[in-house]
């Protein structure tokens, strides 16, 4: 699937959702990425089934460009991964897959990520390349259905089921998101293969944080329920800037660092 969601982006031209109620929630969710550059300092702690863990540190750059998501991850630690970078560029055409690029210092070249590779592990974590879009609330390329609302930690939530479109090569048959009604941030997402949940993304309501007018999660846990592995995502700092640093989102320069 081209993308899933957890932290918001308002497209100037959203797809025409069949259900106006779904459209209203989606617009609110996607409003959580500003049109100017936002930088999040992140930590990813991946734990294998034996309990051994490894931590990566880096920065996530995100913004809206004419309503479309642009997001880049730069890894700074550990040493053997320093300089690794990932770029996703959302496309306006519904029949065109988002552009995804990966740069690894060891091979010193940019690789385009396509097809089934997009569901592969992002640098050994439980997040896939597709899942990185989750961090910026981009459920736009799936068909959504609003289900019965629920409650998480005494907070009312919308419940939306997303089914991949027929022309998408997704490993998942359905995604179900629990979206906090006050902040429009998803605090839980289930990834189903057939009728069986394969992965689960979850965050405590206390992780909801505000930066200016925009909400985000300061932490979230992705669990692979089949392989019994997990990855903890932490956002340890947020800053914003009015200048559009386009080089962060250019396939020819995104990996060049700060």
Protein backbone atom coordinates (compact mmCIF):
# COMPACT_ATOMS: atom_id res chain seq x y z
CA UNK A 1 0.00 0.00 0.00
CA UNK A 2 1.38 3.42 -0.91
CA UNK A 3 0.75 4.85 2.55
CA UNK A 4 -0.95 4.71 5.91
CA UNK A 5 -1.24 7.34 8.64
CA UNK A 6 -0.56 8.67 12.09
CA UNK A 7 0.28 12.31 12.09
CA UNK A 8 -1.62 14.52 9.60
CA UNK A 9 -1.43 16.28 6.21
CA UNK A 10 -4.03 18.53 4.59
CA UNK A 11 -4.09 18.11 0.81
CA UNK A 12 -5.38 21.06 -1.16
CA UNK A 13 -7.11 18.59 -3.45
CA UNK A 14 -8.23 15.53 -1.49
CA UNK A 15 -9.61 12.46 -3.27
CA UNK A 16 -13.38 12.26 -3.43
CA UNK A 17 -14.37 10.02 -0.55
CA UNK A 18 -17.71 8.28 -0.95
CA UNK A 19 -18.67 9.07 2.65
CA UNK A 20 -18.68 12.79 3.61
CA UNK A 21 -18.14 11.78 7.25
CA UNK A 22 -14.91 9.98 6.28
CA UNK A 23 -13.85 12.99 4.23
CA UNK A 24 -14.30 15.28 7.24
CA UNK A 25 -12.12 13.10 9.47
CA UNK A 26 -9.48 12.67 6.77
CA UNK A 27 -9.18 16.41 6.21
CA UNK A 28 -8.77 16.96 9.93
CA UNK A 29 -6.08 14.24 10.16
CA UNK A 30 -4.14 15.53 7.21
CA UNK A 31 -4.17 19.08 8.59
CA UNK A 32 -1.48 18.05 11.08
CA UNK A 33 1.47 18.56 8.74
CA UNK A 34 2.33 22.26 8.20
CA UNK A 35 2.99 23.74 4.75
CA UNK A 36 6.45 24.81 5.93
CA UNK A 37 9.32 22.59 6.98
CA UNK A 38 8.97 20.66 10.24
CA UNK A 39 11.89 18.72 11.69
CA UNK A 40 11.43 15.95 14.24
CA UNK A 41 14.38 14.41 16.04
CA UNK A 42 13.55 10.72 16.27
CA UNK A 43 14.78 7.52 17.88
CA UNK A 44 13.88 4.03 16.64
CA UNK A 45 14.59 1.16 19.03
CA UNK A 46 14.13 -2.20 17.29
CA UNK A 47 13.84 -5.32 19.47
CA UNK A 48 14.10 -8.84 18.03
CA UNK A 49 12.26 -11.93 19.26
CA UNK A 50 15.18 -12.85 21.54
CA UNK A 51 14.97 -9.49 23.30
CA UNK A 52 18.09 -7.94 21.79
CA UNK A 53 17.62 -4.32 20.78
CA UNK A 54 19.29 -1.71 18.62
CA UNK A 55 18.66 2.03 18.56
CA UNK A 56 18.86 4.38 15.60
CA UNK A 57 18.76 8.16 15.88
CA UNK A 58 18.06 10.70 13.19
CA UNK A 59 15.73 13.38 11.90
CA UNK A 60 12.43 13.33 10.06
CA UNK A 61 11.81 16.29 7.73
CA UNK A 62 8.26 16.85 6.51
CA UNK A 63 6.13 19.50 4.84
CA UNK A 64 3.34 20.04 2.32
CA UNK A 65 4.27 21.14 -1.18
CA UNK A 66 1.17 22.28 -3.08
CA UNK A 67 -0.80 20.08 -0.74
CA UNK A 68 1.33 16.96 -1.28
CA UNK A 69 3.37 15.24 1.41
CA UNK A 70 7.16 15.40 1.28
CA UNK A 71 9.04 13.44 3.96
CA UNK A 72 12.69 12.52 4.42
CA UNK A 73 14.43 10.50 7.14
CA UNK A 74 18.15 11.01 7.82
CA UNK A 75 19.90 8.50 10.12
CA UNK A 76 22.80 9.81 12.23
CA UNK A 77 23.46 6.84 14.55
CA UNK A 78 24.69 4.10 14.86
CA UNK A 79 27.94 4.59 12.98
CA UNK A 80 27.36 1.80 10.45
CA UNK A 81 24.09 3.40 9.33
CA UNK A 82 25.08 7.06 9.61
CA UNK A 83 24.09 8.86 6.42
CA UNK A 84 21.36 6.41 5.42
CA UNK A 85 18.41 8.40 4.09
CA UNK A 86 14.89 7.77 2.84
CA UNK A 87 12.60 10.02 0.80
CA UNK A 88 8.89 9.71 0.01
CA UNK A 89 7.14 12.09 -2.38
CA UNK A 90 3.38 11.85 -2.60
CA UNK A 91 1.95 12.09 -6.12
CA UNK A 92 -1.24 13.84 -7.15
CA UNK A 93 -2.33 11.20 -9.67
CA UNK A 94 -4.30 8.37 -8.10
CA UNK A 95 -3.02 5.91 -10.72
CA UNK A 96 0.65 6.70 -10.01
CA UNK A 97 2.50 5.23 -7.03
CA UNK A 98 4.25 7.58 -4.65
CA UNK A 99 7.94 8.10 -5.31
CA UNK A 100 10.20 6.40 -2.72
CA UNK A 101 14.00 6.57 -2.67
CA UNK A 102 16.66 5.06 -0.41
CA UNK A 103 20.31 6.03 -0.04
CA UNK A 104 22.83 3.79 1.76
CA UNK A 105 26.39 5.11 2.25
CA UNK A 106 27.80 1.59 1.83
CA UNK A 107 26.73 1.49 -1.82
CA UNK A 108 26.90 5.28 -2.34
CA UNK A 109 23.93 5.49 -4.67
CA UNK A 110 20.22 6.29 -4.63
CA UNK A 111 17.84 3.35 -5.15
CA UNK A 112 14.21 3.72 -6.21
CA UNK A 113 11.85 1.61 -4.08
CA UNK A 114 8.98 0.10 -6.06
CA UNK A 115 6.38 -2.64 -5.92
CA UNK A 116 6.62 -5.24 -3.17
CA UNK A 117 9.89 -3.74 -1.94
CA UNK A 118 7.88 -0.89 -0.40
CA UNK A 119 6.55 -3.33 2.21
CA UNK A 120 10.09 -4.36 3.18
CA UNK A 121 11.66 -3.56 6.53
CA UNK A 122 12.95 -0.02 6.95
CA UNK A 123 16.57 -0.47 8.10
CA UNK A 124 15.77 -3.58 10.12
CA UNK A 125 12.84 -2.07 12.04
CA UNK A 126 9.20 -3.18 12.16
CA UNK A 127 8.26 -0.17 10.07
CA UNK A 128 8.16 -0.70 6.32
CA UNK A 129 9.08 1.93 3.75
CA UNK A 130 5.35 2.39 3.21
CA UNK A 131 4.75 2.79 6.92
CA UNK A 132 6.94 5.89 7.09
CA UNK A 133 4.02 7.75 5.50
CA UNK A 134 1.99 6.78 8.54
CA UNK A 135 4.04 9.15 10.59
CA UNK A 136 2.55 11.94 8.50
CA UNK A 137 -1.12 10.83 8.31
CA UNK A 138 -1.45 9.84 4.64
CA UNK A 139 -4.32 7.37 4.29
CA UNK A 140 -5.31 9.08 1.05
CA UNK A 141 -4.76 6.21 -1.35
CA UNK A 142 -7.05 3.67 0.31
CA UNK A 143 -10.83 3.35 0.43
CA UNK A 144 -12.03 4.34 3.89
CA UNK A 145 -15.18 3.37 5.80
CA UNK A 146 -16.24 4.99 9.05
CA UNK A 147 -17.12 2.35 11.64
CA UNK A 148 -18.78 2.63 15.05
CA UNK A 149 -16.86 5.16 17.20
CA UNK A 150 -14.97 3.93 20.25
CA UNK A 151 -13.09 5.05 23.33
CA UNK A 152 -9.38 4.71 24.16
CA UNK A 153 -8.23 5.75 27.63
CA UNK A 154 -11.49 7.69 28.09
CA UNK A 155 -10.86 9.63 24.87
CA UNK A 156 -13.54 9.37 22.13
CA UNK A 157 -12.07 8.05 18.87
CA UNK A 158 -13.23 7.67 15.30
CA UNK A 159 -12.70 4.18 13.89
CA UNK A 160 -11.90 4.02 10.16
CA UNK A 161 -11.26 0.88 8.12
CA UNK A 162 -9.06 1.33 5.06
CA UNK A 163 -9.02 -1.20 2.24
CA UNK A 164 -6.26 -1.04 -0.39
CA UNK A 165 -7.43 -0.23 -3.89
CA UNK A 166 -7.47 -3.01 -6.47
CA UNK A 167 -4.46 -1.65 -8.36
CA UNK A 168 -2.22 -1.56 -5.28
CA UNK A 169 0.22 -4.34 -4.46
CA UNK A 170 -0.29 -4.38 -0.70
CA UNK A 171 0.47 -7.25 1.64
CA UNK A 172 -2.39 -6.07 3.86
CA UNK A 173 -6.07 -6.68 3.21
CA UNK A 174 -7.25 -4.01 5.64
CA UNK A 175 -5.99 -1.29 7.96
CA UNK A 176 -8.11 -0.12 10.88
CA UNK A 177 -7.28 3.19 12.57
CA UNK A 178 -8.49 4.62 15.88
CA UNK A 179 -8.33 8.42 15.55
CA UNK A 180 -8.53 10.72 18.57
CA UNK A 181 -11.52 13.00 17.98
CA UNK A 182 -9.98 16.08 19.60
CA UNK A 183 -6.60 16.09 17.84
CA UNK A 184 -7.36 14.00 14.70
CA UNK A 185 -4.27 11.87 15.35
CA UNK A 186 -4.45 8.07 15.07
CA UNK A 187 -3.41 6.50 18.36
CA UNK A 188 -3.78 2.92 17.12
CA UNK A 189 -3.58 1.18 13.73
CA UNK A 190 -4.10 -2.53 13.01
CA UNK A 191 -2.63 -4.09 9.84
CA UNK A 192 -4.56 -7.19 8.76
CA UNK A 193 -3.52 -10.03 6.47
CA UNK A 194 -6.80 -11.68 5.59
CA UNK A 195 -8.76 -11.63 8.84
CA UNK A 196 -5.65 -11.84 11.03
CA UNK A 197 -3.87 -8.80 12.50
CA UNK A 198 -0.21 -8.96 11.42
CA UNK A 199 1.11 -5.70 12.86
CA UNK A 200 -0.16 -3.20 15.38
CA UNK A 201 0.85 0.40 15.90
CA UNK A 202 -0.20 1.91 19.22
CA UNK A 203 0.48 4.93 21.40
CA UNK A 204 -0.75 6.10 24.80
CA UNK A 205 -3.01 9.14 24.73
CA UNK A 206 -0.39 10.88 26.87
CA UNK A 207 1.91 10.79 23.83
CA UNK A 208 -0.27 13.35 22.02
CA UNK A 209 1.74 16.56 21.85
CA UNK A 210 1.19 19.94 20.21
CA UNK A 211 3.68 22.05 18.27
CA UNK A 212 2.07 25.37 17.37
CA UNK A 213 -1.27 24.52 15.80
CA UNK A 214 -0.25 20.96 14.88
CA UNK A 215 -0.56 17.72 16.80
CA UNK A 216 1.75 14.70 16.68
CA UNK A 217 2.66 11.61 18.71
CA UNK A 218 5.78 11.82 20.82
CA UNK A 219 6.03 8.03 20.89
CA UNK A 220 4.50 4.98 19.26
CA UNK A 221 5.11 1.22 19.29
CA UNK A 222 4.99 -0.93 16.15
CA UNK A 223 4.65 -4.66 16.89
CA UNK A 224 4.92 -7.56 14.47
CA UNK A 225 2.42 -9.97 16.02
CA UNK A 226 3.64 -12.95 13.98
CA UNK A 227 7.41 -12.58 14.32
CA UNK A 228 7.19 -11.22 17.89
CA UNK A 229 9.42 -8.23 17.21
CA UNK A 230 8.78 -4.58 17.96
CA UNK A 231 10.07 -1.08 17.27
CA UNK A 232 9.60 1.88 19.59
CA UNK A 233 9.47 5.27 17.89
CA UNK A 234 10.21 8.35 19.99
CA UNK A 235 10.10 11.99 18.93
CA UNK A 236 12.55 13.81 21.20
CA UNK A 237 12.43 17.26 19.64
CA UNK A 238 10.41 19.29 17.14
CA UNK A 239 11.31 22.47 15.30
CA UNK A 240 9.75 24.35 12.40
CA UNK A 241 10.95 26.77 9.79
CA UNK A 242 9.31 29.08 7.28
CA UNK A 243 11.95 28.52 4.60
CA UNK A 244 11.23 25.74 2.15
CA UNK A 245 14.35 23.55 2.18
CA UNK A 246 13.57 21.86 -1.13
CA UNK A 247 16.89 19.98 -1.21
CA UNK A 248 15.59 17.74 1.58
CA UNK A 249 12.92 16.44 -0.82
CA UNK A 250 14.83 16.33 -4.12
CA UNK A 251 15.75 12.77 -5.26
CA UNK A 252 19.16 14.13 -6.29
CA UNK A 253 20.04 15.76 -2.95
CA UNK A 254 17.83 14.44 -0.12
CA UNK A 255 20.66 12.36 1.37
CA UNK A 256 23.19 15.18 1.68
CA UNK A 257 22.38 15.82 5.34
CA UNK A 258 21.80 18.98 7.33
